[in-house]
């Protein structure tokens, strides 16, 4: 997800996406520990997306 797409989301949508991405991250980590994931770079990209969403949410909270 690109930062331009994240900036278009509302605060509630960002919070929902964070929950979804964290669940996806947990699922990927678990499946990777059991057996190798097809693309281990997915773990990094999901973690990066979560960080970008958290950053945008924090910036909006500071502006308000």
C-alpha atoms as a PDB file:
ATOM      1  CA  UNK A   1       0.000   0.000   0.000  1.00  0.00           C
ATOM      2  CA  UNK A   2       1.422   3.362  -1.023  1.00  0.00           C
ATOM      3  CA  UNK A   3       1.521   6.406   1.225  1.00  0.00           C
ATOM      4  CA  UNK A   4      -0.716   8.304  -1.211  1.00  0.00           C
ATOM      5  CA  UNK A   5      -3.365   5.604  -0.732  1.00  0.00           C
ATOM      6  CA  UNK A   6      -2.956   5.753   3.038  1.00  0.00           C
ATOM      7  CA  UNK A   7      -3.399   9.526   3.113  1.00  0.00           C
ATOM      8  CA  UNK A   8      -6.788   9.167   1.371  1.00  0.00           C
ATOM      9  CA  UNK A   9      -8.148   6.899   4.123  1.00  0.00           C
ATOM     10  CA  UNK A  10     -10.139   8.171   7.083  1.00  0.00           C
ATOM     11  CA  UNK A  11      -8.968   7.623  10.661  1.00  0.00           C
ATOM     12  CA  UNK A  12     -11.431   4.768  11.204  1.00  0.00           C
ATOM     13  CA  UNK A  13     -10.363   3.091   7.966  1.00  0.00           C
ATOM     14  CA  UNK A  14      -6.722   3.365   9.034  1.00  0.00           C
ATOM     15  CA  UNK A  15      -7.502   1.736  12.382  1.00  0.00           C
ATOM     16  CA  UNK A  16      -9.374  -1.070  10.605  1.00  0.00           C
ATOM     17  CA  UNK A  17      -6.490  -1.616   8.180  1.00  0.00           C
ATOM     18  CA  UNK A  18      -4.021  -1.779  11.077  1.00  0.00           C
ATOM     19  CA  UNK A  19      -6.098  -4.539  12.702  1.00  0.00           C
ATOM     20  CA  UNK A  20      -6.319  -6.450   9.416  1.00  0.00           C
ATOM     21  CA  UNK A  21      -2.607  -6.125   8.696  1.00  0.00           C
ATOM     22  CA  UNK A  22      -1.631  -7.195  12.226  1.00  0.00           C
ATOM     23  CA  UNK A  23      -3.807 -10.303  11.881  1.00  0.00           C
ATOM     24  CA  UNK A  24      -2.240 -11.015   8.493  1.00  0.00           C
ATOM     25  CA  UNK A  25       1.234 -10.518   9.984  1.00  0.00           C
ATOM     26  CA  UNK A  26       0.536 -12.933  12.824  1.00  0.00           C
ATOM     27  CA  UNK A  27      -0.752 -15.516  10.357  1.00  0.00           C
ATOM     28  CA  UNK A  28       2.334 -15.132   8.159  1.00  0.00           C
ATOM     29  CA  UNK A  29       4.708 -15.414  11.114  1.00  0.00           C
ATOM     30  CA  UNK A  30       2.979 -18.558  12.337  1.00  0.00           C
ATOM     31  CA  UNK A  31       2.952 -20.231   8.934  1.00  0.00           C
ATOM     32  CA  UNK A  32       6.602 -19.277   8.420  1.00  0.00           C
ATOM     33  CA  UNK A  33       7.596 -20.864  11.722  1.00  0.00           C
ATOM     34  CA  UNK A  34       5.777 -24.106  10.844  1.00  0.00           C
ATOM     35  CA  UNK A  35       6.988 -24.338   7.258  1.00  0.00           C
ATOM     36  CA  UNK A  36       8.709 -22.001   4.847  1.00  0.00           C
ATOM     37  CA  UNK A  37       6.530 -19.303   3.311  1.00  0.00           C
ATOM     38  CA  UNK A  38       6.547 -19.044  -0.475  1.00  0.00           C
ATOM     39  CA  UNK A  39       7.745 -15.445  -0.391  1.00  0.00           C
ATOM     40  CA  UNK A  40       9.384 -14.466   2.916  1.00  0.00           C
ATOM     41  CA  UNK A  41       9.590 -10.852   1.747  1.00  0.00           C
ATOM     42  CA  UNK A  42       5.837 -10.661   2.379  1.00  0.00           C
ATOM     43  CA  UNK A  43       6.572 -10.556   6.096  1.00  0.00           C
ATOM     44  CA  UNK A  44       8.745  -7.480   5.640  1.00  0.00           C
ATOM     45  CA  UNK A  45       6.211  -5.718   3.414  1.00  0.00           C
ATOM     46  CA  UNK A  46       3.353  -6.348   5.867  1.00  0.00           C
ATOM     47  CA  UNK A  47       5.480  -5.021   8.729  1.00  0.00           C
ATOM     48  CA  UNK A  48       6.325  -1.945   6.635  1.00  0.00           C
ATOM     49  CA  UNK A  49       2.660  -1.331   5.835  1.00  0.00           C
ATOM     50  CA  UNK A  50       1.746  -1.521   9.528  1.00  0.00           C
ATOM     51  CA  UNK A  51       4.454   1.014  10.331  1.00  0.00           C
ATOM     52  CA  UNK A  52       3.246   3.383   7.601  1.00  0.00           C
ATOM     53  CA  UNK A  53      -0.350   3.142   8.835  1.00  0.00           C
ATOM     54  CA  UNK A  54       0.730   3.790  12.430  1.00  0.00           C
ATOM     55  CA  UNK A  55       2.813   6.774  11.325  1.00  0.00           C
ATOM     56  CA  UNK A  56      -0.078   8.355   9.428  1.00  0.00           C
ATOM     57  CA  UNK A  57      -2.467   7.734  12.343  1.00  0.00           C
ATOM     58  CA  UNK A  58      -0.044   9.358  14.795  1.00  0.00           C
ATOM     59  CA  UNK A  59       0.434  12.385  12.524  1.00  0.00           C
ATOM     60  CA  UNK A  60      -3.315  12.889  12.288  1.00  0.00           C
ATOM     61  CA  UNK A  61      -3.701  12.624  16.057  1.00  0.00           C
ATOM     62  CA  UNK A  62      -1.020  15.266  16.552  1.00  0.00           C
ATOM     63  CA  UNK A  63      -2.703  17.618  14.056  1.00  0.00           C
ATOM     64  CA  UNK A  64      -6.063  17.372  15.844  1.00  0.00           C
END
